[in-house]
Amino acid sequence: MLLYLPQDENFLGLEAAHSDATAGIVIQPLPFERTTSYGKGTADGPRELLKASHYVEFYDDEFERELCFECGIATLDPLPLKKLSIPEALTLIHTRASAIIAANRFCVGIGGEHTISAPLIRAHAERYAELSVLQFDAHADLRNEYDGTPLSHACVMARVAEFLPPTRIVQVGIRALCREEAAFIKRHQMATFFASGIRQDRYGQDWIKRLVESLTGEVYLTFDVDALDPSIMPATGTPEPEGLSYSECIRIARAIVESGRRIVGLDVVELAPIKKLHHPNLTAARLVYKLLNIAFSHAQRRTARQSAGNGRKPRRTR
């Protein structure tokens, strides 16, 4: 039985009528932190992202809609991962994601460290045979092992490449990797759009189009917030300079849908909140909602519910 967070704790602060078992979108908080190697605090990311989301407006001016009332967005209780071994935790995440997908609901994972993405992606790959993954990240995350474990956050995409062809993994914003990872990318001819290449115009003015054309089938987005430049996202374990702008990331997501491809799932990870610094939490929360608006735009609009906001309370005043 799935348990849902109440209005004062859920995503966007939605009333039960818009955040219950009939909602077409399900957010699963995953406060998992076991292998972070520098800055700590990702276990607090889901809670602070949800708290900040209460100050994200329901209305999206680009799409002229309130997606949360059209489709409903339910937020599940955080999975109890703390006392589990890493393999046990990842198995539980996979089981939960598979159940959400089997119910034809859109699954959103919020972390927590990037390790959580592998079981989420696996669950989607089992549903969508031609799935491709777009990884927003500062780091390649393709090490075979790190700090003595192959289940480190620094190895997550190497684990994904064990069940998904590496050519179906597209990376953007990468600006920190080791020689082993660079060799992996070249050996498997992966489509990796390095931050340096974007800034130096090595990919041309149409680099976003080239990126989108590298994707095949349905698309899963895994978004490590350190893909963003530290000037706008300092709240992460290993911030790297020369990052992507928020607008660039949104342009990429928008281009995916405009190309006719479907975004079928996503996660946002590695938010490590900084005490008394609120803007990164709000940026991450707004990012989740904006990506959902894009995923459900145009031909992807879902009809899970058509409440149109009847009986809802207005957004609280700031």
C-alpha atoms as a PDB file:
ATOM      1  CA  MET A   1       0.000   0.000   0.000  1.00  0.00           C
ATOM      2  CA  LEU A   2       1.347   3.403  -1.015  1.00  0.00           C
ATOM      3  CA  LEU A   3       1.351   6.127   1.626  1.00  0.00           C
ATOM      4  CA  TYR A   4       1.102   9.761   0.548  1.00  0.00           C
ATOM      5  CA  LEU A   5       2.541  12.820   2.234  1.00  0.00           C
ATOM      6  CA  PRO A   6      -0.014  15.346   3.552  1.00  0.00           C
ATOM      7  CA  GLN A   7      -0.451  18.815   2.132  1.00  0.00           C
ATOM      8  CA  ASP A   8       2.003  20.489   4.494  1.00  0.00           C
ATOM      9  CA  GLU A   9       4.786  18.096   3.411  1.00  0.00           C
ATOM     10  CA  ASN A  10       4.067  17.183  -0.219  1.00  0.00           C
ATOM     11  CA  PHE A  11       5.278  18.680  -3.495  1.00  0.00           C
ATOM     12  CA  LEU A  12       3.722  22.125  -4.114  1.00  0.00           C
ATOM     13  CA  GLY A  13       1.599  21.872  -0.948  1.00  0.00           C
ATOM     14  CA  LEU A  14      -1.329  20.329  -2.827  1.00  0.00           C
ATOM     15  CA  GLU A  15      -4.633  19.408  -1.236  1.00  0.00           C
ATOM     16  CA  ALA A  16      -5.536  15.713  -1.079  1.00  0.00           C
ATOM     17  CA  ALA A  17      -7.902  15.974  -4.055  1.00  0.00           C
ATOM     18  CA  HIS A  18      -4.910  16.748  -6.293  1.00  0.00           C
ATOM     19  CA  SER A  19      -2.273  14.589  -4.600  1.00  0.00           C
ATOM     20  CA  ASP A  20      -3.874  11.224  -3.977  1.00  0.00           C
ATOM     21  CA  ALA A  21      -4.006   7.799  -5.638  1.00  0.00           C
ATOM     22  CA  THR A  22      -5.674   9.235  -8.748  1.00  0.00           C
ATOM     23  CA  ALA A  23      -2.780  11.573  -9.568  1.00  0.00           C
ATOM     24  CA  GLY A  24      -1.038  10.917 -12.871  1.00  0.00           C
ATOM     25  CA  ILE A  25       2.365  12.024 -11.562  1.00  0.00           C
ATOM     26  CA  VAL A  26       4.078  10.431  -8.569  1.00  0.00           C
ATOM     27  CA  ILE A  27       7.049  11.913  -6.756  1.00  0.00           C
ATOM     28  CA  GLN A  28       9.156   9.499  -4.747  1.00  0.00           C
ATOM     29  CA  PRO A  29      11.549  11.092  -2.229  1.00  0.00           C
ATOM     30  CA  LEU A  30      14.742   9.040  -1.927  1.00  0.00           C
ATOM     31  CA  PRO A  31      16.874  10.378   0.965  1.00  0.00           C
ATOM     32  CA  PHE A  32      19.742   8.018   0.226  1.00  0.00           C
ATOM     33  CA  GLU A  33      23.299   9.088   1.060  1.00  0.00           C
ATOM     34  CA  ARG A  34      25.979   6.487   1.495  1.00  0.00           C
ATOM     35  CA  THR A  35      28.885   7.211  -0.879  1.00  0.00           C
ATOM     36  CA  THR A  36      29.168  10.988  -1.208  1.00  0.00           C
ATOM     37  CA  SER A  37      32.851  11.829  -1.409  1.00  0.00           C
ATOM     38  CA  TYR A  38      33.205  15.550  -0.646  1.00  0.00           C
ATOM     39  CA  GLY A  39      30.358  17.775   0.513  1.00  0.00           C
ATOM     40  CA  LYS A  40      27.665  15.924   2.446  1.00  0.00           C
ATOM     41  CA  GLY A  41      23.957  16.528   2.957  1.00  0.00           C
ATOM     42  CA  THR A  42      22.146  14.948   0.007  1.00  0.00           C
ATOM     43  CA  ALA A  43      19.999  12.921   2.422  1.00  0.00           C
ATOM     44  CA  ASP A  44      18.349  16.235   3.323  1.00  0.00           C
ATOM     45  CA  GLY A  45      17.763  17.170  -0.312  1.00  0.00           C
ATOM     46  CA  PRO A  46      14.292  15.643  -0.780  1.00  0.00           C
ATOM     47  CA  ARG A  47      12.871  17.212   2.373  1.00  0.00           C
ATOM     48  CA  GLU A  48      14.209  20.695   1.601  1.00  0.00           C
ATOM     49  CA  LEU A  49      13.177  20.506  -2.061  1.00  0.00           C
ATOM     50  CA  LEU A  50       9.629  19.613  -1.026  1.00  0.00           C
ATOM     51  CA  LYS A  51       9.571  22.394   1.546  1.00  0.00           C
ATOM     52  CA  ALA A  52      10.766  24.945  -1.023  1.00  0.00           C
ATOM     53  CA  SER A  53       8.205  23.744  -3.581  1.00  0.00           C
ATOM     54  CA  HIS A  54       5.445  25.348  -1.506  1.00  0.00           C
ATOM     55  CA  TYR A  55       6.692  28.658  -2.900  1.00  0.00           C
ATOM     56  CA  VAL A  56       6.672  27.567  -6.552  1.00  0.00           C
ATOM     57  CA  GLU A  57       3.678  28.967  -8.416  1.00  0.00           C
ATOM     58  CA  PHE A  58       1.130  26.492  -9.790  1.00  0.00           C
ATOM     59  CA  TYR A  59       0.734  28.390 -13.087  1.00  0.00           C
ATOM     60  CA  ASP A  60       3.228  28.027 -15.940  1.00  0.00           C
ATOM     61  CA  ASP A  61       3.174  31.072 -18.206  1.00  0.00           C
ATOM     62  CA  GLU A  62       4.806  29.247 -21.119  1.00  0.00           C
ATOM     63  CA  PHE A  63       2.098  26.600 -21.352  1.00  0.00           C
ATOM     64  CA  GLU A  64      -0.687  28.679 -19.791  1.00  0.00           C
ATOM     65  CA  ARG A  65      -1.742  25.891 -17.487  1.00  0.00           C
ATOM     66  CA  GLU A  66      -1.706  24.564 -13.950  1.00  0.00           C
ATOM     67  CA  LEU A  67      -0.364  21.079 -14.541  1.00  0.00           C
ATOM     68  CA  CYS A  68      -0.706  20.071 -10.907  1.00  0.00           C
ATOM     69  CA  PHE A  69      -4.494  20.373 -11.153  1.00  0.00           C
ATOM     70  CA  GLU A  70      -4.825  18.907 -14.646  1.00  0.00           C
ATOM     71  CA  CYS A  71      -2.879  15.722 -13.892  1.00  0.00           C
ATOM     72  CA  GLY A  72      -2.464  15.661 -10.146  1.00  0.00           C
ATOM     73  CA  ILE A  73       0.898  15.259  -8.430  1.00  0.00           C
ATOM     74  CA  ALA A  74       1.126  12.817  -5.544  1.00  0.00           C
ATOM     75  CA  THR A  75       4.113  12.658  -3.206  1.00  0.00           C
ATOM     76  CA  LEU A  76       4.869   9.337  -1.545  1.00  0.00           C
ATOM     77  CA  ASP A  77       6.404   8.822   1.853  1.00  0.00           C
ATOM     78  CA  PRO A  78      10.215   8.705   1.608  1.00  0.00           C
ATOM     79  CA  LEU A  79      11.438   5.142   1.220  1.00  0.00           C
ATOM     80  CA  PRO A  80      13.062   3.802   4.418  1.00  0.00           C
ATOM     81  CA  LEU A  81      16.568   3.350   3.055  1.00  0.00           C
ATOM     82  CA  LYS A  82      18.839   4.364   5.922  1.00  0.00           C
ATOM     83  CA  LYS A  83      19.196   0.958   7.616  1.00  0.00           C
ATOM     84  CA  LEU A  84      19.459  -1.051   4.393  1.00  0.00           C
ATOM     85  CA  SER A  85      22.647  -2.158   2.680  1.00  0.00           C
ATOM     86  CA  ILE A  86      23.326  -0.386  -0.618  1.00  0.00           C
ATOM     87  CA  PRO A  87      22.163  -3.377  -2.739  1.00  0.00           C
ATOM     88  CA  GLU A  88      19.011  -3.730  -0.606  1.00  0.00           C
ATOM     89  CA  ALA A  89      18.262  -0.018  -0.925  1.00  0.00           C
ATOM     90  CA  LEU A  90      18.686  -0.052  -4.702  1.00  0.00           C
ATOM     91  CA  THR A  91      16.449  -3.132  -4.990  1.00  0.00           C
ATOM     92  CA  LEU A  92      13.725  -1.404  -2.990  1.00  0.00           C
ATOM     93  CA  ILE A  93      13.976   1.702  -5.197  1.00  0.00           C
ATOM     94  CA  HIS A  94      13.662  -0.463  -8.324  1.00  0.00           C
ATOM     95  CA  THR A  95      10.631  -2.283  -6.914  1.00  0.00           C
ATOM     96  CA  ARG A  96       8.873   0.976  -6.043  1.00  0.00           C
ATOM     97  CA  ALA A  97       9.618   2.588  -9.415  1.00  0.00           C
ATOM     98  CA  SER A  98       8.415  -0.511 -11.264  1.00  0.00           C
ATOM     99  CA  ALA A  99       5.122  -0.409  -9.355  1.00  0.00           C
ATOM    100  CA  ILE A 100       4.581   3.259 -10.195  1.00  0.00           C
ATOM    101  CA  ILE A 101       5.309   2.655 -13.879  1.00  0.00           C
ATOM    102  CA  ALA A 102       3.099  -0.455 -13.988  1.00  0.00           C
ATOM    103  CA  ALA A 103       0.219   1.707 -12.779  1.00  0.00           C
ATOM    104  CA  ASN A 104       0.786   4.011 -15.794  1.00  0.00           C
ATOM    105  CA  ARG A 105       1.850   6.887 -13.585  1.00  0.00           C
ATOM    106  CA  PHE A 106       4.768   9.211 -14.348  1.00  0.00           C
ATOM    107  CA  CYS A 107       7.609   8.497 -11.916  1.00  0.00           C
ATOM    108  CA  VAL A 108       9.817  11.271 -10.514  1.00  0.00           C
ATOM    109  CA  GLY A 109      12.669  10.413  -8.140  1.00  0.00           C
ATOM    110  CA  ILE A 110      14.168  13.128  -5.968  1.00  0.00           C
ATOM    111  CA  GLY A 111      17.416  12.463  -4.127  1.00  0.00           C
ATOM    112  CA  GLY A 112      19.615  11.835  -2.417  1.00  0.00           C
ATOM    113  CA  GLU A 113      22.865  10.923  -4.089  1.00  0.00           C
ATOM    114  CA  HIS A 114      23.096   9.968  -7.768  1.00  0.00           C
ATOM    115  CA  THR A 115      23.396   6.252  -6.962  1.00  0.00           C
ATOM    116  CA  ILE A 116      19.588   6.117  -6.770  1.00  0.00           C
ATOM    117  CA  SER A 117      19.249   6.773 -10.507  1.00  0.00           C
ATOM    118  CA  ALA A 118      20.424   3.343 -11.691  1.00  0.00           C
ATOM    119  CA  PRO A 119      17.417   1.397 -10.327  1.00  0.00           C
ATOM    120  CA  LEU A 120      15.042   4.126 -11.490  1.00  0.00           C
ATOM    121  CA  ILE A 121      16.458   3.957 -15.009  1.00  0.00           C
ATOM    122  CA  ARG A 122      16.421   0.158 -14.976  1.00  0.00           C
ATOM    123  CA  ALA A 123      12.711   0.154 -14.144  1.00  0.00           C
ATOM    124  CA  HIS A 124      12.004   2.451 -17.085  1.00  0.00           C
ATOM    125  CA  ALA A 125      14.248   0.436 -19.425  1.00  0.00           C
ATOM    126  CA  GLU A 126      12.219  -2.666 -18.578  1.00  0.00           C
ATOM    127  CA  ARG A 127       9.079  -0.832 -19.691  1.00  0.00           C
ATOM    128  CA  TYR A 128      10.483   0.979 -22.747  1.00  0.00           C
ATOM    129  CA  ALA A 129      12.623  -1.215 -25.008  1.00  0.00           C
ATOM    130  CA  GLU A 130      14.241   1.691 -26.880  1.00  0.00           C
ATOM    131  CA  LEU A 131      14.789   3.934 -23.875  1.00  0.00           C
ATOM    132  CA  SER A 132      17.607   6.459 -23.985  1.00  0.00           C
ATOM    133  CA  VAL A 133      18.942   8.491 -21.065  1.00  0.00           C
ATOM    134  CA  LEU A 134      19.947  12.125 -20.992  1.00  0.00           C
ATOM    135  CA  GLN A 135      22.353  12.791 -18.132  1.00  0.00           C
ATOM    136  CA  PHE A 136      22.721  16.403 -16.976  1.00  0.00           C
ATOM    137  CA  ASP A 137      25.893  16.376 -14.900  1.00  0.00           C
ATOM    138  CA  ALA A 138      29.241  17.974 -14.145  1.00  0.00           C
ATOM    139  CA  HIS A 139      30.796  14.513 -13.771  1.00  0.00           C
ATOM    140  CA  ALA A 140      30.827  11.574 -16.153  1.00  0.00           C
ATOM    141  CA  ASP A 141      30.046   9.054 -13.363  1.00  0.00           C
ATOM    142  CA  LEU A 142      31.534   6.250 -15.476  1.00  0.00           C
ATOM    143  CA  ARG A 143      34.155   4.874 -13.073  1.00  0.00           C
ATOM    144  CA  ASN A 144      34.025   1.132 -12.593  1.00  0.00           C
ATOM    145  CA  GLU A 145      34.407   1.667  -8.852  1.00  0.00           C
ATOM    146  CA  TYR A 146      35.182   4.481  -6.457  1.00  0.00           C
ATOM    147  CA  ASP A 147      36.292   4.368  -2.827  1.00  0.00           C
ATOM    148  CA  GLY A 148      36.198   0.595  -2.989  1.00  0.00           C
ATOM    149  CA  THR A 149      32.634   0.142  -4.249  1.00  0.00           C
ATOM    150  CA  PRO A 150      31.082  -0.189  -7.724  1.00  0.00           C
ATOM    151  CA  LEU A 151      27.840   1.235  -6.281  1.00  0.00           C
ATOM    152  CA  SER A 152      29.212   4.732  -5.682  1.00  0.00           C
ATOM    153  CA  HIS A 153      27.548   7.870  -6.960  1.00  0.00           C
ATOM    154  CA  ALA A 154      30.679   8.253  -9.123  1.00  0.00           C
ATOM    155  CA  CYS A 155      29.873   4.958 -10.859  1.00  0.00           C
ATOM    156  CA  VAL A 156      26.146   5.302 -11.495  1.00  0.00           C
ATOM    157  CA  MET A 157      26.282   5.644 -15.288  1.00  0.00           C
ATOM    158  CA  ALA A 158      28.764   2.753 -15.549  1.00  0.00           C
ATOM    159  CA  ARG A 159      26.123   0.639 -13.807  1.00  0.00           C
ATOM    160  CA  VAL A 160      23.444   1.920 -16.195  1.00  0.00           C
ATOM    161  CA  ALA A 161      25.707   0.999 -19.125  1.00  0.00           C
ATOM    162  CA  GLU A 162      25.586  -2.612 -17.936  1.00  0.00           C
ATOM    163  CA  PHE A 163      21.913  -2.942 -18.899  1.00  0.00           C
ATOM    164  CA  LEU A 164      21.571  -0.153 -21.460  1.00  0.00           C
ATOM    165  CA  PRO A 165      23.844   0.240 -24.509  1.00  0.00           C
ATOM    166  CA  PRO A 166      26.254   3.122 -23.826  1.00  0.00           C
ATOM    167  CA  THR A 167      25.253   4.667 -27.146  1.00  0.00           C
ATOM    168  CA  ARG A 168      21.835   5.277 -25.587  1.00  0.00           C
ATOM    169  CA  ILE A 169      23.356   7.393 -22.821  1.00  0.00           C
ATOM    170  CA  VAL A 170      23.766  11.052 -23.788  1.00  0.00           C
ATOM    171  CA  GLN A 171      25.666  13.347 -21.430  1.00  0.00           C
ATOM    172  CA  VAL A 172      25.640  17.125 -21.222  1.00  0.00           C
ATOM    173  CA  GLY A 173      27.540  19.605 -19.061  1.00  0.00           C
ATOM    174  CA  ILE A 174      30.411  17.224 -18.263  1.00  0.00           C
ATOM    175  CA  ARG A 175      33.527  19.037 -17.062  1.00  0.00           C
ATOM    176  CA  ALA A 176      35.175  16.686 -14.565  1.00  0.00           C
ATOM    177  CA  LEU A 177      36.271  13.134 -15.381  1.00  0.00           C
ATOM    178  CA  CYS A 178      39.238  10.811 -15.060  1.00  0.00           C
ATOM    179  CA  ARG A 179      41.260   9.146 -17.814  1.00  0.00           C
ATOM    180  CA  GLU A 180      39.339   5.874 -17.342  1.00  0.00           C
ATOM    181  CA  GLU A 181      36.035   7.658 -17.991  1.00  0.00           C
ATOM    182  CA  ALA A 182      37.385   9.525 -21.021  1.00  0.00           C
ATOM    183  CA  ALA A 183      38.523   6.187 -22.479  1.00  0.00           C
ATOM    184  CA  PHE A 184      35.091   4.657 -21.792  1.00  0.00           C
ATOM    185  CA  ILE A 185      33.379   7.491 -23.673  1.00  0.00           C
ATOM    186  CA  LYS A 186      35.701   7.128 -26.688  1.00  0.00           C
ATOM    187  CA  ARG A 187      35.586   3.323 -26.708  1.00  0.00           C
ATOM    188  CA  HIS A 188      31.804   3.239 -26.752  1.00  0.00           C
ATOM    189  CA  GLN A 189      31.405   6.326 -28.957  1.00  0.00           C
ATOM    190  CA  MET A 190      29.101   7.954 -26.454  1.00  0.00           C
ATOM    191  CA  ALA A 191      27.471  11.281 -27.231  1.00  0.00           C
ATOM    192  CA  THR A 192      29.025  13.450 -24.533  1.00  0.00           C
ATOM    193  CA  PHE A 193      28.629  17.214 -24.777  1.00  0.00           C
ATOM    194  CA  PHE A 194      31.402  18.622 -22.622  1.00  0.00           C
ATOM    195  CA  ALA A 195      30.973  22.035 -21.033  1.00  0.00           C
ATOM    196  CA  SER A 196      34.257  23.152 -22.612  1.00  0.00           C
ATOM    197  CA  GLY A 197      33.003  22.151 -26.048  1.00  0.00           C
ATOM    198  CA  ILE A 198      29.784  24.085 -25.560  1.00  0.00           C
ATOM    199  CA  ARG A 199      31.619  27.202 -24.377  1.00  0.00           C
ATOM    200  CA  GLN A 200      34.234  27.008 -27.144  1.00  0.00           C
ATOM    201  CA  ASP A 201      31.599  26.365 -29.813  1.00  0.00           C
ATOM    202  CA  ARG A 202      33.135  23.024 -30.807  1.00  0.00           C
ATOM    203  CA  TYR A 203      29.694  21.542 -31.377  1.00  0.00           C
ATOM    204  CA  GLY A 204      28.376  24.459 -33.429  1.00  0.00           C
ATOM    205  CA  GLN A 205      25.466  26.766 -32.833  1.00  0.00           C
ATOM    206  CA  ASP A 206      23.009  23.895 -33.273  1.00  0.00           C
ATOM    207  CA  TRP A 207      24.520  21.785 -30.498  1.00  0.00           C
ATOM    208  CA  ILE A 208      21.173  21.293 -28.773  1.00  0.00           C
ATOM    209  CA  LYS A 209      19.711  19.919 -31.990  1.00  0.00           C
ATOM    210  CA  ARG A 210      22.682  17.564 -32.302  1.00  0.00           C
ATOM    211  CA  LEU A 211      22.201  16.457 -28.708  1.00  0.00           C
ATOM    212  CA  VAL A 212      18.514  15.695 -29.233  1.00  0.00           C
ATOM    213  CA  GLU A 213      19.258  13.773 -32.428  1.00  0.00           C
ATOM    214  CA  SER A 214      21.570  11.525 -30.392  1.00  0.00           C
ATOM    215  CA  LEU A 215      18.596  10.320 -28.346  1.00  0.00           C
ATOM    216  CA  THR A 216      16.528   7.323 -29.427  1.00  0.00           C
ATOM    217  CA  GLY A 217      13.072   6.134 -28.444  1.00  0.00           C
ATOM    218  CA  GLU A 218      11.571   7.359 -25.199  1.00  0.00           C
ATOM    219  CA  VAL A 219      13.759   9.558 -23.010  1.00  0.00           C
ATOM    220  CA  TYR A 220      14.568   9.429 -19.327  1.00  0.00           C
ATOM    221  CA  LEU A 221      16.138  12.515 -17.726  1.00  0.00           C
ATOM    222  CA  THR A 222      18.593  12.122 -14.861  1.00  0.00           C
ATOM    223  CA  PHE A 223      19.517  15.541 -13.545  1.00  0.00           C
ATOM    224  CA  ASP A 224      22.415  15.959 -11.135  1.00  0.00           C
ATOM    225  CA  VAL A 225      22.067  19.542  -9.935  1.00  0.00           C
ATOM    226  CA  ASP A 226      25.834  20.024 -10.183  1.00  0.00           C
ATOM    227  CA  ALA A 227      25.265  20.252 -13.938  1.00  0.00           C
ATOM    228  CA  LEU A 228      24.237  23.820 -13.148  1.00  0.00           C
ATOM    229  CA  ASP A 229      26.899  26.442 -12.590  1.00  0.00           C
ATOM    230  CA  PRO A 230      27.800  26.894  -8.890  1.00  0.00           C
ATOM    231  CA  SER A 231      26.848  30.552  -9.150  1.00  0.00           C
ATOM    232  CA  ILE A 232      23.207  29.431  -9.233  1.00  0.00           C
ATOM    233  CA  MET A 233      23.543  25.989  -7.611  1.00  0.00           C
ATOM    234  CA  PRO A 234      26.163  26.026  -4.842  1.00  0.00           C
ATOM    235  CA  ALA A 235      24.220  23.480  -2.756  1.00  0.00           C
ATOM    236  CA  THR A 236      25.749  20.276  -4.042  1.00  0.00           C
ATOM    237  CA  GLY A 237      28.558  17.987  -2.943  1.00  0.00           C
ATOM    238  CA  THR A 238      31.114  18.733  -5.672  1.00  0.00           C
ATOM    239  CA  PRO A 239      30.305  21.994  -7.466  1.00  0.00           C
ATOM    240  CA  GLU A 240      32.334  22.570 -10.618  1.00  0.00           C
ATOM    241  CA  PRO A 241      32.833  25.915 -12.422  1.00  0.00           C
ATOM    242  CA  GLU A 242      31.777  26.534 -16.038  1.00  0.00           C
ATOM    243  CA  GLY A 243      28.416  24.859 -15.575  1.00  0.00           C
ATOM    244  CA  LEU A 244      25.199  25.054 -17.547  1.00  0.00           C
ATOM    245  CA  SER A 245      22.676  27.808 -17.015  1.00  0.00           C
ATOM    246  CA  TYR A 246      19.140  27.051 -15.920  1.00  0.00           C
ATOM    247  CA  SER A 247      17.883  28.379 -19.253  1.00  0.00           C
ATOM    248  CA  GLU A 248      20.176  26.091 -21.254  1.00  0.00           C
ATOM    249  CA  CYS A 249      18.849  23.060 -19.407  1.00  0.00           C
ATOM    250  CA  ILE A 250      15.252  24.073 -20.010  1.00  0.00           C
ATOM    251  CA  ARG A 251      15.991  24.687 -23.705  1.00  0.00           C
ATOM    252  CA  ILE A 252      17.344  21.159 -24.002  1.00  0.00           C
ATOM    253  CA  ALA A 253      14.302  19.595 -22.345  1.00  0.00           C
ATOM    254  CA  ARG A 254      11.996  21.687 -24.503  1.00  0.00           C
ATOM    255  CA  ALA A 255      13.851  20.655 -27.668  1.00  0.00           C
ATOM    256  CA  ILE A 256      13.379  16.974 -26.790  1.00  0.00           C
ATOM    257  CA  VAL A 257       9.596  17.307 -26.714  1.00  0.00           C
ATOM    258  CA  GLU A 258       9.510  19.592 -29.748  1.00  0.00           C
ATOM    259  CA  SER A 259      11.378  16.890 -31.684  1.00  0.00           C
ATOM    260  CA  GLY A 260       8.482  14.497 -31.057  1.00  0.00           C
ATOM    261  CA  ARG A 261      10.298  12.417 -28.458  1.00  0.00           C
ATOM    262  CA  ARG A 262       8.588  11.511 -25.188  1.00  0.00           C
ATOM    263  CA  ILE A 263      10.047  12.160 -21.777  1.00  0.00           C
ATOM    264  CA  VAL A 264       8.783   9.187 -19.759  1.00  0.00           C
ATOM    265  CA  GLY A 265      10.493   9.660 -16.389  1.00  0.00           C
ATOM    266  CA  LEU A 266      13.009  11.776 -14.537  1.00  0.00           C
ATOM    267  CA  ASP A 267      15.004  12.260 -11.393  1.00  0.00           C
ATOM    268  CA  VAL A 268      16.684  15.266  -9.782  1.00  0.00           C
ATOM    269  CA  VAL A 269      19.542  14.389  -7.428  1.00  0.00           C
ATOM    270  CA  GLU A 270      22.524  15.619  -5.410  1.00  0.00           C
ATOM    271  CA  LEU A 271      20.903  18.669  -3.790  1.00  0.00           C
ATOM    272  CA  ALA A 272      22.850  19.182  -0.543  1.00  0.00           C
ATOM    273  CA  PRO A 273      21.055  22.049   1.212  1.00  0.00           C
ATOM    274  CA  ILE A 274      23.050  24.842   2.816  1.00  0.00           C
ATOM    275  CA  LYS A 275      21.636  26.214   6.053  1.00  0.00           C
ATOM    276  CA  LYS A 276      20.069  29.673   5.663  1.00  0.00           C
ATOM    277  CA  LEU A 277      20.679  29.672   1.884  1.00  0.00           C
ATOM    278  CA  HIS A 278      17.271  29.082   0.367  1.00  0.00           C
ATOM    279  CA  HIS A 279      17.614  29.850  -3.324  1.00  0.00           C
ATOM    280  CA  PRO A 280      19.223  26.530  -4.403  1.00  0.00           C
ATOM    281  CA  ASN A 281      16.342  24.574  -2.848  1.00  0.00           C
ATOM    282  CA  LEU A 282      13.796  26.722  -4.631  1.00  0.00           C
ATOM    283  CA  THR A 283      15.728  26.433  -7.905  1.00  0.00           C
ATOM    284  CA  ALA A 284      15.683  22.633  -7.625  1.00  0.00           C
ATOM    285  CA  ALA A 285      11.957  22.587  -6.828  1.00  0.00           C
ATOM    286  CA  ARG A 286      11.148  24.885  -9.716  1.00  0.00           C
ATOM    287  CA  LEU A 287      13.311  22.743 -11.991  1.00  0.00           C
ATOM    288  CA  VAL A 288      11.252  19.649 -11.142  1.00  0.00           C
ATOM    289  CA  TYR A 289       7.969  21.406 -11.878  1.00  0.00           C
ATOM    290  CA  LYS A 290       9.254  23.000 -15.079  1.00  0.00           C
ATOM    291  CA  LEU A 291      10.564  19.681 -16.408  1.00  0.00           C
ATOM    292  CA  LEU A 292       7.170  18.154 -15.668  1.00  0.00           C
ATOM    293  CA  ASN A 293       5.397  20.950 -17.532  1.00  0.00           C
ATOM    294  CA  ILE A 294       7.638  20.341 -20.524  1.00  0.00           C
ATOM    295  CA  ALA A 295       7.234  16.559 -20.345  1.00  0.00           C
ATOM    296  CA  PHE A 296       3.461  16.914 -20.333  1.00  0.00           C
ATOM    297  CA  SER A 297       3.287  19.647 -22.984  1.00  0.00           C
ATOM    298  CA  HIS A 298       1.793  19.413 -26.487  1.00  0.00           C
ATOM    299  CA  ALA A 299       1.056  15.820 -27.521  1.00  0.00           C
ATOM    300  CA  GLN A 300       2.229  14.488 -24.156  1.00  0.00           C
ATOM    301  CA  ARG A 301      -0.638  15.897 -22.154  1.00  0.00           C
ATOM    302  CA  ARG A 302      -2.022  13.195 -19.922  1.00  0.00           C
ATOM    303  CA  THR A 303      -5.685  12.781 -19.096  1.00  0.00           C
ATOM    304  CA  ALA A 304      -5.263  11.062 -15.754  1.00  0.00           C
ATOM    305  CA  ARG A 305      -7.498  13.708 -14.235  1.00  0.00           C
ATOM    306  CA  GLN A 306      -9.199  16.872 -15.461  1.00  0.00           C
ATOM    307  CA  SER A 307     -10.067  18.629 -12.234  1.00  0.00           C
ATOM    308  CA  ALA A 308      -9.073  22.031 -13.696  1.00  0.00           C
ATOM    309  CA  GLY A 309      -8.482  23.198 -10.153  1.00  0.00           C
ATOM    310  CA  ASN A 310     -12.101  23.031  -9.019  1.00  0.00           C
ATOM    311  CA  GLY A 311     -12.387  23.774  -5.333  1.00  0.00           C
ATOM    312  CA  ARG A 312      -8.686  24.415  -4.808  1.00  0.00           C
ATOM    313  CA  LYS A 313      -7.320  27.052  -2.526  1.00  0.00           C
ATOM    314  CA  PRO A 314      -5.287  29.874  -4.105  1.00  0.00           C
ATOM    315  CA  ARG A 315      -1.514  29.935  -3.804  1.00  0.00           C
ATOM    316  CA  ARG A 316      -0.430  31.431  -0.499  1.00  0.00           C
ATOM    317  CA  THR A 317       0.821  35.013  -0.682  1.00  0.00           C
ATOM    318  CA  ARG A 318       4.526  35.671  -0.325  1.00  0.00           C
END
